Amino acid sequence: MNGHRLLAAVDLGSNSFRLLIGRVESTPVGEQILPLDGLKESVRLAAGLDPRGMLDAASQARALSALSRFAERLRSFSPETVRTVGTNTLRVARNARRFLPTAEAALGFPIEVIGGREEARLIYLGAAHALPADRQDRLVVDIGGGSTECIIGADYDAALLESAGVGCVSLSQQFFPGGEVDRTSFEQAYYAARDVLAPTARAYRSRGWSYAVGTSGTAKALTQLAQLNFSADQLTREALLNIEWLLVKAGHADRLRLEGLRPERRPVLAGGLAVMSAVFDELGVSEMRYCPAALRQGVLYDLLGRRAGADMREITVEQMMQRYAVDAAHARRVARTAVALFEQGARGAAELLAQRRELLRWAVQLAEIGQSIAHDGFHKHSAYILSNADMPGFTRSEQATMSHLALGQVGGLRKLRELVADDLEWLMVLSMRVASILHRQRDDEETPLPALFLKRRGIRLELPKAWAKAHPLSDQTLRTETASWAELRVFDEIVYERI
């Protein structure tokens, strides 16, 4: 790939919204991304969560204002060159689904809300491209506004990925309302953070690492304070204790006088310090270096990989097919037929159709993973796994769509009425079910592809009479299937004809 191509990553964090634009350059050993431009907006989204878990109007307004400014910078970018990810606050906010369409309209691009382990994977991917490829195991810690990601990996490969639901904004809101800090409140915050980190600590201590790395705002701020005020080359436990002592003595971050402490960091300093101290003590960290690359850089490299064909989602699907002993040859046959049916009837923007086509293919390939639990109701088990499993590369929305497809692959259709989003998704369900019927024999026999016509919300399926006569069971099943769809009435009309 030649030329200076531009990619953009938007990180909708719990504390700050950030935009990073990178230039892709080819080198003799591969492609790399060089930072070209960046924007940061201190939105403090997590601070807008009320006791019911709802984003308040003020935080939504701050977010939309920031996104509108990002939109101006991204105006010349095509959709496939921009990826926007939402993290912990958008994961937990009860009204996030209502807020996201407005946010997408303000930004001009889709927003993907990613799971905690997917966030950890992307953070490590970004850090790995900024750290030396030294083959040593390293612990990477990213303290965000609402969650803390901990990863152990070597070079570009992550071995352990965890996301803990505690961050600098959430802890500051809970234990330091109004910014006041005393010894009791700090210790309460510190032990609360340790409680959240504790379930993963043993596995991390057992695995071990050669050195620890901190990324993002809290690690950067604390490292700078340690360097400028305590002559520490890296962040140490002693430096953290010194900052803690001065903060408690001051009683408020606004009264704390430390060189290098920026105004926007003061409201979340106490929470971030408590989390970092808990990380050091719970995981057994002695010192930590700072790495400037994290989630945004990881999103850019992941986006670059997708464009180059190295899509993590493809790898995840292959691994899950192996793990759950899926009949791969059969799954791929059904997937090819389902995609071919979908393509005949699908209408819409090319990018949207490409996304749905890939999701349909992956969903069909993983549709029978529930068989590993039980044959009866296997589709329900498949749906549960696809909805709840850690699937690197996939967003929550993508997993939900595949879960709906798995649930709808057999049985009645009414269960999908409250789940399926639009006509395209209904067409995905139909294509999957028809393909499954056609390949019911689970053999290598060549199966004719039905002609599928979608016109004015009416569907027509056509198959050769000779094939229908030679396969009476499949023919009857297709008649029953179309009758079920006709009764459901999601399409105005559905007809199966033998020609």
Protein backbone atom coordinates (compact mmCIF):
# COMPACT_ATOMS: atom_id res chain seq x y z
CA MET A 1 0.00 0.00 0.00
CA ASN A 2 1.59 3.25 -1.10
CA GLY A 3 0.94 6.87 -0.30
CA HIS A 4 0.12 8.66 2.91
CA ARG A 5 -3.17 7.20 4.02
CA LEU A 6 -4.90 8.65 7.06
CA LEU A 7 -6.77 6.75 9.75
CA ALA A 8 -8.62 8.20 12.75
CA ALA A 9 -9.48 6.79 16.17
CA VAL A 10 -11.97 8.36 18.56
CA ASP A 11 -11.84 7.25 22.20
CA LEU A 12 -14.96 8.11 24.21
CA GLY A 13 -13.49 7.58 27.65
CA SER A 14 -15.15 8.02 31.02
CA ASN A 15 -13.00 11.05 31.78
CA SER A 16 -11.90 12.46 28.41
CA PHE A 17 -12.88 12.19 24.76
CA ARG A 18 -9.85 11.96 22.47
CA LEU A 19 -9.28 11.97 18.73
CA LEU A 20 -6.08 10.70 17.15
CA ILE A 21 -5.30 10.94 13.45
CA GLY A 22 -2.43 8.84 12.16
CA ARG A 23 -0.60 8.59 8.88
CA VAL A 24 0.08 5.09 7.56
CA GLU A 25 3.55 4.69 6.11
CA SER A 26 5.09 1.63 4.49
CA THR A 27 8.48 0.39 5.62
CA PRO A 28 10.58 -2.56 4.42
CA VAL A 29 9.36 -4.62 7.40
CA GLY A 30 5.70 -3.58 7.37
CA GLU A 31 3.40 -0.65 7.90
CA GLN A 32 3.50 1.76 10.80
CA ILE A 33 1.25 4.59 11.93
CA LEU A 34 2.75 7.98 12.72
CA PRO A 35 0.70 10.44 14.81
CA LEU A 36 -0.38 13.42 12.76
CA ASP A 37 -2.98 15.29 14.81
CA GLY A 38 -4.86 14.89 18.06
CA LEU A 39 -7.65 16.51 20.05
CA LYS A 40 -8.66 16.10 23.68
CA GLU A 41 -11.85 17.21 25.43
CA SER A 42 -12.29 16.83 29.19
CA VAL A 43 -15.89 15.59 29.23
CA ARG A 44 -15.90 13.69 32.56
CA LEU A 45 -18.74 11.52 31.36
CA ALA A 46 -18.60 9.22 34.39
CA ALA A 47 -19.24 12.21 36.66
CA GLY A 48 -22.61 12.57 34.97
CA LEU A 49 -23.90 9.17 36.11
CA ASP A 50 -26.67 9.68 38.65
CA PRO A 51 -27.52 7.16 41.41
CA ARG A 52 -29.82 5.32 39.01
CA GLY A 53 -27.01 4.82 36.51
CA MET A 54 -28.39 7.38 34.04
CA LEU A 55 -26.29 9.95 32.19
CA ASP A 56 -27.53 13.38 33.19
CA ALA A 57 -28.35 16.15 30.73
CA ALA A 58 -25.22 18.18 31.52
CA SER A 59 -22.81 15.32 30.76
CA GLN A 60 -24.68 14.50 27.56
CA ALA A 61 -24.44 18.14 26.50
CA ARG A 62 -20.67 18.18 27.18
CA ALA A 63 -20.27 15.00 25.17
CA LEU A 64 -22.28 16.24 22.18
CA SER A 65 -20.40 19.52 22.16
CA ALA A 66 -17.06 17.69 22.07
CA LEU A 67 -18.25 15.32 19.35
CA SER A 68 -19.40 18.19 17.16
CA ARG A 69 -15.89 19.66 17.30
CA PHE A 70 -14.38 16.29 16.44
CA ALA A 71 -16.81 16.04 13.52
CA GLU A 72 -15.41 19.21 11.99
CA ARG A 73 -11.89 17.74 12.01
CA LEU A 74 -13.11 14.45 10.54
CA ARG A 75 -15.27 15.98 7.83
CA SER A 76 -13.03 14.80 4.97
CA PHE A 77 -12.66 11.21 6.25
CA SER A 78 -14.51 8.29 4.69
CA PRO A 79 -16.37 5.91 7.03
CA GLU A 80 -13.96 3.00 6.64
CA THR A 81 -11.02 5.11 7.86
CA VAL A 82 -12.59 6.11 11.21
CA ARG A 83 -13.32 3.95 14.23
CA THR A 84 -14.99 5.26 17.38
CA VAL A 85 -15.07 3.25 20.60
CA GLY A 86 -17.00 3.89 23.80
CA THR A 87 -15.68 2.49 27.07
CA ASN A 88 -16.86 1.90 30.64
CA THR A 89 -19.38 4.69 31.19
CA LEU A 90 -21.16 3.94 27.92
CA ARG A 91 -21.08 0.26 28.90
CA VAL A 92 -22.84 0.82 32.21
CA ALA A 93 -25.10 3.85 31.58
CA ARG A 94 -28.70 2.67 31.51
CA ASN A 95 -29.70 5.31 28.95
CA ALA A 96 -26.67 4.82 26.68
CA ARG A 97 -28.76 3.18 23.95
CA ARG A 98 -30.98 6.27 23.74
CA PHE A 99 -28.00 8.62 23.81
CA LEU A 100 -25.86 6.88 21.18
CA PRO A 101 -27.93 7.75 18.05
CA THR A 102 -27.74 11.44 18.97
CA ALA A 103 -24.01 11.11 19.63
CA GLU A 104 -23.47 9.36 16.29
CA ALA A 105 -25.35 12.14 14.51
CA ALA A 106 -23.16 14.76 16.20
CA LEU A 107 -19.94 12.94 15.27
CA GLY A 108 -21.02 11.75 11.85
CA PHE A 109 -19.68 8.21 12.36
CA PRO A 110 -20.87 5.02 14.10
CA ILE A 111 -19.95 4.50 17.75
CA GLU A 112 -18.99 1.03 18.98
CA VAL A 113 -19.36 0.33 22.70
CA ILE A 114 -16.67 -2.24 23.47
CA GLY A 115 -16.42 -4.69 26.35
CA GLY A 116 -13.81 -4.47 29.08
CA ARG A 117 -11.54 -7.21 27.77
CA GLU A 118 -11.77 -5.86 24.24
CA GLU A 119 -10.72 -2.49 25.63
CA ALA A 120 -7.79 -4.24 27.36
CA ARG A 121 -6.80 -5.95 24.11
CA LEU A 122 -6.76 -2.67 22.20
CA ILE A 123 -4.84 -0.91 24.98
CA TYR A 124 -2.17 -3.59 24.88
CA LEU A 125 -2.05 -3.48 21.07
CA GLY A 126 -1.39 0.26 21.21
CA ALA A 127 1.22 0.01 23.96
CA ALA A 128 2.97 -2.91 22.23
CA HIS A 129 3.64 -0.77 19.17
CA ALA A 130 5.36 1.84 21.33
CA LEU A 131 7.34 -0.56 23.54
CA PRO A 132 10.41 -2.54 22.48
CA ALA A 133 9.88 -6.00 21.01
CA ASP A 134 12.07 -7.57 23.70
CA ARG A 135 10.25 -10.90 24.17
CA GLN A 136 9.83 -10.16 27.87
CA ASP A 137 6.56 -10.52 29.73
CA ARG A 138 5.27 -7.12 30.83
CA LEU A 139 2.34 -5.91 32.86
CA VAL A 140 0.42 -3.05 31.24
CA VAL A 141 -1.97 -1.09 33.48
CA ASP A 142 -4.41 1.51 32.19
CA ILE A 143 -6.43 3.43 34.80
CA GLY A 144 -9.34 5.12 33.08
CA GLY A 145 -12.22 7.15 34.38
CA GLY A 146 -14.50 4.20 35.10
CA SER A 147 -12.41 1.05 34.75
CA THR A 148 -8.87 -0.24 35.07
CA GLU A 149 -7.43 -2.62 32.49
CA CYS A 150 -4.57 -4.98 33.38
CA ILE A 151 -2.78 -7.01 30.72
CA ILE A 152 0.23 -9.32 30.74
CA GLY A 153 1.83 -9.95 27.37
CA ALA A 154 5.06 -10.20 25.42
CA ASP A 155 5.80 -8.28 22.24
CA TYR A 156 2.44 -8.06 20.38
CA ASP A 157 0.73 -11.01 22.08
CA ALA A 158 -1.46 -10.55 25.17
CA ALA A 159 -1.65 -13.56 27.50
CA LEU A 160 -3.92 -12.27 30.32
CA LEU A 161 -6.60 -9.61 29.86
CA GLU A 162 -8.79 -8.22 32.62
CA SER A 163 -10.94 -5.15 33.15
CA ALA A 164 -11.83 -4.08 36.71
CA GLY A 165 -14.77 -1.77 37.31
CA VAL A 166 -12.93 0.96 39.19
CA GLY A 167 -11.43 4.18 37.83
CA CYS A 168 -10.24 7.64 38.77
CA VAL A 169 -13.58 9.40 38.14
CA SER A 170 -15.85 6.77 39.69
CA LEU A 171 -13.70 6.47 42.83
CA SER A 172 -13.37 10.25 43.16
CA GLN A 173 -17.13 10.65 42.90
CA GLN A 174 -17.77 7.96 45.49
CA PHE A 175 -15.21 8.81 48.18
CA PHE A 176 -14.18 12.40 47.58
CA PRO A 177 -17.38 14.37 46.82
CA GLY A 178 -16.57 18.04 46.55
CA GLY A 179 -12.87 17.19 46.37
CA GLU A 180 -12.25 16.95 50.13
CA VAL A 181 -9.65 14.34 51.11
CA ASP A 182 -8.74 13.04 54.57
CA ARG A 183 -6.96 9.95 55.85
CA THR A 184 -10.17 7.97 56.41
CA SER A 185 -11.71 8.68 52.99
CA PHE A 186 -8.46 7.90 51.20
CA GLU A 187 -8.05 4.57 52.96
CA GLN A 188 -11.67 3.68 52.19
CA ALA A 189 -11.08 4.43 48.51
CA TYR A 190 -7.82 2.48 48.49
CA TYR A 191 -9.36 -0.65 50.02
CA ALA A 192 -12.41 -0.41 47.77
CA ALA A 193 -10.08 -0.44 44.76
CA ARG A 194 -8.16 -3.41 46.16
CA ASP A 195 -11.42 -5.32 46.62
CA VAL A 196 -12.24 -4.87 42.93
CA LEU A 197 -8.74 -5.87 41.82
CA ALA A 198 -8.39 -8.82 44.18
CA PRO A 199 -10.21 -11.50 42.10
CA THR A 200 -7.61 -11.24 39.32
CA ALA A 201 -4.52 -10.62 41.43
CA ARG A 202 -3.56 -14.26 42.09
CA ALA A 203 -3.51 -15.21 38.40
CA TYR A 204 -1.36 -12.17 37.60
CA ARG A 205 1.07 -12.79 40.45
CA SER A 206 1.34 -16.46 39.44
CA ARG A 207 2.04 -15.58 35.83
CA GLY A 208 4.60 -12.91 36.70
CA TRP A 209 6.25 -10.28 34.49
CA SER A 210 9.61 -8.67 33.92
CA TYR A 211 8.51 -5.04 34.18
CA ALA A 212 5.35 -2.94 34.59
CA VAL A 213 4.07 -0.20 32.31
CA GLY A 214 1.39 2.42 32.96
CA THR A 215 -0.62 4.07 30.19
CA SER A 216 -3.11 6.95 29.87
CA GLY A 217 -3.83 9.99 32.04
CA THR A 218 -3.50 8.76 35.62
CA ALA A 219 -0.20 6.96 34.98
CA LYS A 220 1.13 9.96 33.05
CA ALA A 221 0.17 12.47 35.75
CA LEU A 222 1.53 10.43 38.65
CA THR A 223 4.78 9.64 36.81
CA GLN A 224 5.31 13.33 36.07
CA LEU A 225 4.66 14.26 39.71
CA ALA A 226 7.14 11.62 40.85
CA GLN A 227 9.80 12.83 38.42
CA LEU A 228 9.37 16.57 38.98
CA ASN A 229 8.90 16.53 42.74
CA PHE A 230 10.70 13.45 44.08
CA SER A 231 13.50 12.90 41.53
CA ALA A 232 12.16 9.44 40.64
CA ASP A 233 13.01 8.05 37.20
CA GLN A 234 9.90 5.84 37.32
CA LEU A 235 6.76 5.69 39.38
CA THR A 236 7.47 3.91 42.66
CA ARG A 237 5.47 3.01 45.75
CA GLU A 238 7.52 5.52 47.74
CA ALA A 239 6.57 8.29 45.31
CA LEU A 240 2.90 7.33 45.59
CA LEU A 241 3.10 7.47 49.38
CA ASN A 242 4.71 10.91 49.20
CA ILE A 243 1.94 12.23 46.94
CA GLU A 244 -0.67 10.64 49.20
CA TRP A 245 0.82 12.24 52.34
CA LEU A 246 0.89 15.70 50.74
CA LEU A 247 -2.65 15.32 49.35
CA VAL A 248 -4.12 14.27 52.71
CA LYS A 249 -2.23 17.09 54.41
CA ALA A 250 -3.61 19.62 51.91
CA GLY A 251 -7.14 18.24 52.39
CA HIS A 252 -8.15 19.07 48.81
CA ALA A 253 -6.47 18.62 45.44
CA ASP A 254 -7.00 22.31 44.66
CA ARG A 255 -4.80 23.21 47.66
CA LEU A 256 -2.08 20.74 46.74
CA ARG A 257 1.10 22.44 45.55
CA LEU A 258 3.08 20.06 43.38
CA GLU A 259 5.03 20.96 40.27
CA GLY A 260 3.47 19.54 37.12
CA LEU A 261 -0.05 19.03 38.51
CA ARG A 262 -2.43 20.30 35.83
CA PRO A 263 -5.82 21.86 36.63
CA GLU A 264 -7.84 19.27 34.68
CA ARG A 265 -6.21 16.43 36.65
CA ARG A 266 -6.98 17.82 40.12
CA PRO A 267 -10.68 16.71 40.32
CA VAL A 268 -9.72 13.04 39.77
CA LEU A 269 -6.26 12.96 41.35
CA ALA A 270 -7.36 11.37 44.64
CA GLY A 271 -9.31 8.59 42.93
CA GLY A 272 -6.53 7.89 40.45
CA LEU A 273 -3.92 7.84 43.23
CA ALA A 274 -6.01 5.40 45.28
CA VAL A 275 -6.43 3.04 42.31
CA MET A 276 -2.74 3.16 41.38
CA SER A 277 -1.72 2.49 45.00
CA ALA A 278 -4.10 -0.47 45.05
CA VAL A 279 -2.62 -1.79 41.79
CA PHE A 280 0.91 -1.62 43.23
CA ASP A 281 -0.03 -3.42 46.43
CA GLU A 282 -2.56 -5.94 45.10
CA LEU A 283 -0.49 -7.04 42.09
CA GLY A 284 2.91 -6.65 43.74
CA VAL A 285 4.30 -3.89 41.51
CA SER A 286 7.55 -2.30 42.72
CA GLU A 287 8.03 0.30 39.98
CA MET A 288 6.29 1.33 36.78
CA ARG A 289 7.41 3.09 33.64
CA TYR A 290 5.08 5.24 31.55
CA CYS A 291 4.10 4.50 27.95
CA PRO A 292 2.33 7.23 25.94
CA ALA A 293 0.49 4.81 23.62
CA ALA A 294 -2.72 3.06 24.65
CA LEU A 295 -6.31 2.65 23.45
CA ARG A 296 -6.32 5.19 20.61
CA GLN A 297 -3.16 3.81 19.08
CA GLY A 298 -4.50 0.29 19.49
CA VAL A 299 -7.69 1.23 17.68
CA LEU A 300 -5.64 2.64 14.79
CA TYR A 301 -3.51 -0.50 14.46
CA ASP A 302 -6.58 -2.72 14.74
CA LEU A 303 -8.26 -0.66 12.03
CA LEU A 304 -5.14 -0.98 9.90
CA GLY A 305 -5.19 -4.75 10.43
CA ARG A 306 -8.83 -5.01 9.37
CA ARG A 307 -8.08 -3.10 6.18
CA ALA A 308 -5.11 -5.37 5.49
CA GLY A 309 -7.10 -8.56 6.07
CA ALA A 310 -5.79 -9.38 9.57
CA ASP A 311 -9.17 -9.00 11.27
CA MET A 312 -9.10 -10.09 14.93
CA ARG A 313 -12.76 -11.05 14.63
CA GLU A 314 -11.88 -13.69 12.04
CA ILE A 315 -9.28 -15.14 14.40
CA THR A 316 -11.78 -15.16 17.27
CA VAL A 317 -14.36 -17.05 15.22
CA GLU A 318 -11.81 -19.66 14.15
CA GLN A 319 -10.68 -20.15 17.74
CA MET A 320 -14.25 -20.51 19.01
CA MET A 321 -15.09 -23.04 16.29
CA GLN A 322 -12.16 -25.14 17.47
CA ARG A 323 -12.90 -24.67 21.18
CA TYR A 324 -16.54 -25.76 20.83
CA ALA A 325 -15.80 -28.55 18.32
CA VAL A 326 -17.97 -27.08 15.56
CA ASP A 327 -18.34 -29.11 12.35
CA ALA A 328 -16.35 -26.54 10.39
CA ALA A 329 -17.01 -27.92 6.90
CA HIS A 330 -20.77 -27.96 7.47
CA ALA A 331 -20.75 -24.53 9.12
CA ARG A 332 -18.93 -23.00 6.17
CA ARG A 333 -21.30 -24.60 3.66
CA VAL A 334 -24.32 -23.18 5.48
CA ALA A 335 -22.62 -19.80 5.82
CA ARG A 336 -21.86 -19.57 2.08
CA THR A 337 -25.48 -20.31 1.21
CA ALA A 338 -26.85 -17.91 3.84
CA VAL A 339 -24.62 -15.07 2.63
CA ALA A 340 -25.54 -15.74 -1.00
CA LEU A 341 -29.25 -15.60 -0.14
CA PHE A 342 -28.77 -12.40 1.85
CA GLU A 343 -26.88 -10.71 -0.97
CA GLN A 344 -29.71 -11.37 -3.41
CA GLY A 345 -32.25 -9.46 -1.38
CA ALA A 346 -30.25 -6.95 0.69
CA ARG A 347 -30.50 -3.27 -0.19
CA GLY A 348 -28.68 -0.38 1.45
CA ALA A 349 -25.38 1.45 1.73
CA ALA A 350 -22.41 -0.67 0.64
CA GLU A 351 -20.60 -0.31 3.97
CA LEU A 352 -23.66 -1.36 5.99
CA LEU A 353 -24.28 -4.36 3.75
CA ALA A 354 -20.65 -5.44 4.07
CA GLN A 355 -20.88 -5.27 7.87
CA ARG A 356 -24.12 -7.27 7.97
CA ARG A 357 -22.78 -9.83 5.50
CA GLU A 358 -19.73 -10.52 7.68
CA LEU A 359 -21.82 -10.73 10.85
CA LEU A 360 -24.15 -13.22 9.16
CA ARG A 361 -21.23 -15.37 8.02
CA TRP A 362 -19.66 -15.41 11.49
CA ALA A 363 -22.99 -16.02 13.22
CA VAL A 364 -23.74 -19.03 11.02
CA GLN A 365 -20.26 -20.46 11.60
CA LEU A 366 -20.81 -20.19 15.38
CA ALA A 367 -24.52 -21.04 15.39
CA GLU A 368 -24.03 -24.57 16.74
CA ILE A 369 -21.53 -23.88 19.53
CA GLY A 370 -24.35 -24.52 22.01
CA GLN A 371 -24.27 -28.21 20.98
CA SER A 372 -21.23 -28.51 23.25
CA ILE A 373 -23.57 -27.93 26.23
CA ALA A 374 -26.70 -29.84 25.20
CA HIS A 375 -28.52 -30.84 22.03
CA ASP A 376 -31.93 -29.86 23.38
CA GLY A 377 -32.26 -26.11 23.19
CA PHE A 378 -28.77 -25.78 21.72
CA HIS A 379 -29.77 -22.54 19.97
CA LYS A 380 -30.44 -20.95 23.37
CA HIS A 381 -27.03 -22.04 24.63
CA SER A 382 -25.40 -20.67 21.46
CA ALA A 383 -27.18 -17.35 21.90
CA TYR A 384 -26.08 -17.11 25.53
CA ILE A 385 -22.44 -17.82 24.70
CA LEU A 386 -22.36 -15.32 21.85
CA SER A 387 -23.95 -12.66 24.04
CA ASN A 388 -21.72 -13.15 27.08
CA ALA A 389 -18.38 -14.60 25.96
CA ASP A 390 -15.23 -12.50 25.66
CA MET A 391 -14.83 -12.25 21.89
CA PRO A 392 -11.75 -10.17 20.97
CA GLY A 393 -12.40 -7.79 18.09
CA PHE A 394 -16.18 -7.77 18.46
CA THR A 395 -18.26 -4.96 19.91
CA ARG A 396 -21.19 -5.57 22.23
CA SER A 397 -23.58 -4.62 19.45
CA GLU A 398 -22.03 -7.14 17.05
CA GLN A 399 -22.20 -9.89 19.66
CA ALA A 400 -25.84 -9.04 20.34
CA THR A 401 -26.72 -9.32 16.64
CA MET A 402 -25.00 -12.71 16.34
CA SER A 403 -26.73 -13.86 19.52
CA HIS A 404 -30.12 -12.94 18.05
CA LEU A 405 -29.31 -14.86 14.87
CA ALA A 406 -28.23 -17.93 16.84
CA LEU A 407 -31.42 -17.81 18.90
CA GLY A 408 -33.52 -17.55 15.76
CA GLN A 409 -31.86 -20.32 13.75
CA VAL A 410 -34.54 -22.84 14.77
CA GLY A 411 -37.90 -22.84 16.52
CA GLY A 412 -40.57 -20.18 16.56
CA LEU A 413 -39.98 -16.69 15.29
CA ARG A 414 -42.09 -14.67 17.73
CA LYS A 415 -39.28 -14.74 20.31
CA LEU A 416 -37.32 -12.41 18.03
CA ARG A 417 -39.92 -9.65 17.76
CA GLU A 418 -38.38 -7.54 20.55
CA LEU A 419 -34.79 -8.35 19.55
CA VAL A 420 -34.40 -7.91 15.79
CA ALA A 421 -33.55 -4.34 14.86
CA ASP A 422 -34.67 -3.89 11.23
CA ASP A 423 -35.63 -5.51 7.93
CA LEU A 424 -32.00 -6.27 7.08
CA GLU A 425 -31.60 -8.27 10.28
CA TRP A 426 -34.85 -10.12 9.57
CA LEU A 427 -33.44 -10.96 6.14
CA MET A 428 -30.32 -12.29 7.87
CA VAL A 429 -32.49 -14.54 10.04
CA LEU A 430 -34.45 -15.78 7.03
CA SER A 431 -31.28 -16.46 5.02
CA MET A 432 -29.78 -18.40 7.91
CA ARG A 433 -32.87 -20.55 8.45
CA VAL A 434 -33.36 -21.34 4.77
CA ALA A 435 -29.66 -22.23 4.39
CA SER A 436 -29.90 -24.56 7.39
CA ILE A 437 -32.89 -26.34 5.82
CA LEU A 438 -31.09 -26.77 2.50
CA HIS A 439 -28.03 -28.32 4.19
CA ARG A 440 -29.98 -30.49 6.62
CA GLN A 441 -28.34 -33.68 5.29
CA ARG A 442 -24.94 -32.35 6.46
CA ASP A 443 -23.16 -33.88 3.47
CA ASP A 444 -21.19 -32.69 0.47
CA GLU A 445 -24.09 -32.98 -1.98
CA GLU A 446 -24.34 -29.92 -4.17
CA THR A 447 -27.41 -27.88 -3.25
CA PRO A 448 -28.99 -25.43 -5.69
CA LEU A 449 -29.07 -21.85 -4.50
CA PRO A 450 -32.66 -20.60 -4.33
CA ALA A 451 -33.48 -17.41 -6.16
CA LEU A 452 -34.53 -14.82 -3.59
CA PHE A 453 -36.39 -11.69 -4.62
CA LEU A 454 -37.20 -8.85 -2.24
CA LYS A 455 -39.47 -6.22 -3.69
CA ARG A 456 -41.66 -3.74 -1.85
CA ARG A 457 -41.20 -5.69 1.39
CA GLY A 458 -42.40 -8.88 -0.26
CA ILE A 459 -40.13 -11.96 -0.54
CA ARG A 460 -40.21 -14.70 -3.14
CA LEU A 461 -38.11 -17.89 -2.95
CA GLU A 462 -37.74 -20.11 -6.04
CA LEU A 463 -36.21 -23.59 -6.39
CA PRO A 464 -36.22 -26.09 -9.29
CA LYS A 465 -39.15 -28.53 -9.32
CA ALA A 466 -36.79 -31.42 -9.95
CA TRP A 467 -34.83 -30.69 -6.80
CA ALA A 468 -38.02 -30.30 -4.74
CA LYS A 469 -39.29 -33.65 -6.01
CA ALA A 470 -36.00 -35.36 -5.16
CA HIS A 471 -35.95 -33.79 -1.67
CA PRO A 472 -39.54 -34.01 -0.36
CA LEU A 473 -38.55 -33.45 3.28
CA SER A 474 -36.67 -30.24 2.52
CA ASP A 475 -39.46 -29.12 0.22
CA GLN A 476 -42.08 -29.61 2.92
CA THR A 477 -39.91 -27.91 5.52
CA LEU A 478 -39.54 -24.87 3.26
CA ARG A 479 -43.32 -24.71 2.85
CA THR A 480 -43.74 -24.80 6.63
CA GLU A 481 -41.03 -22.19 7.04
CA THR A 482 -42.61 -19.72 4.65
CA ALA A 483 -45.97 -20.25 6.34
CA SER A 484 -44.38 -19.31 9.68
CA TRP A 485 -42.96 -16.12 8.19
CA ALA A 486 -46.29 -15.26 6.60
CA GLU A 487 -47.94 -15.60 9.99
CA LEU A 488 -45.30 -13.40 11.63
CA ARG A 489 -45.95 -10.59 9.09
CA VAL A 490 -42.60 -8.83 9.36
CA PHE A 491 -42.63 -8.87 5.56
CA ASP A 492 -45.78 -7.99 3.66
CA GLU A 493 -45.66 -11.23 1.73
CA ILE A 494 -43.46 -14.34 1.53
CA VAL A 495 -43.88 -16.99 -1.17
CA TYR A 496 -42.04 -20.25 -1.92
CA GLU A 497 -42.36 -21.46 -5.52
CA ARG A 498 -41.09 -24.54 -7.37
CA ILE A 499 -40.33 -23.63 -10.98
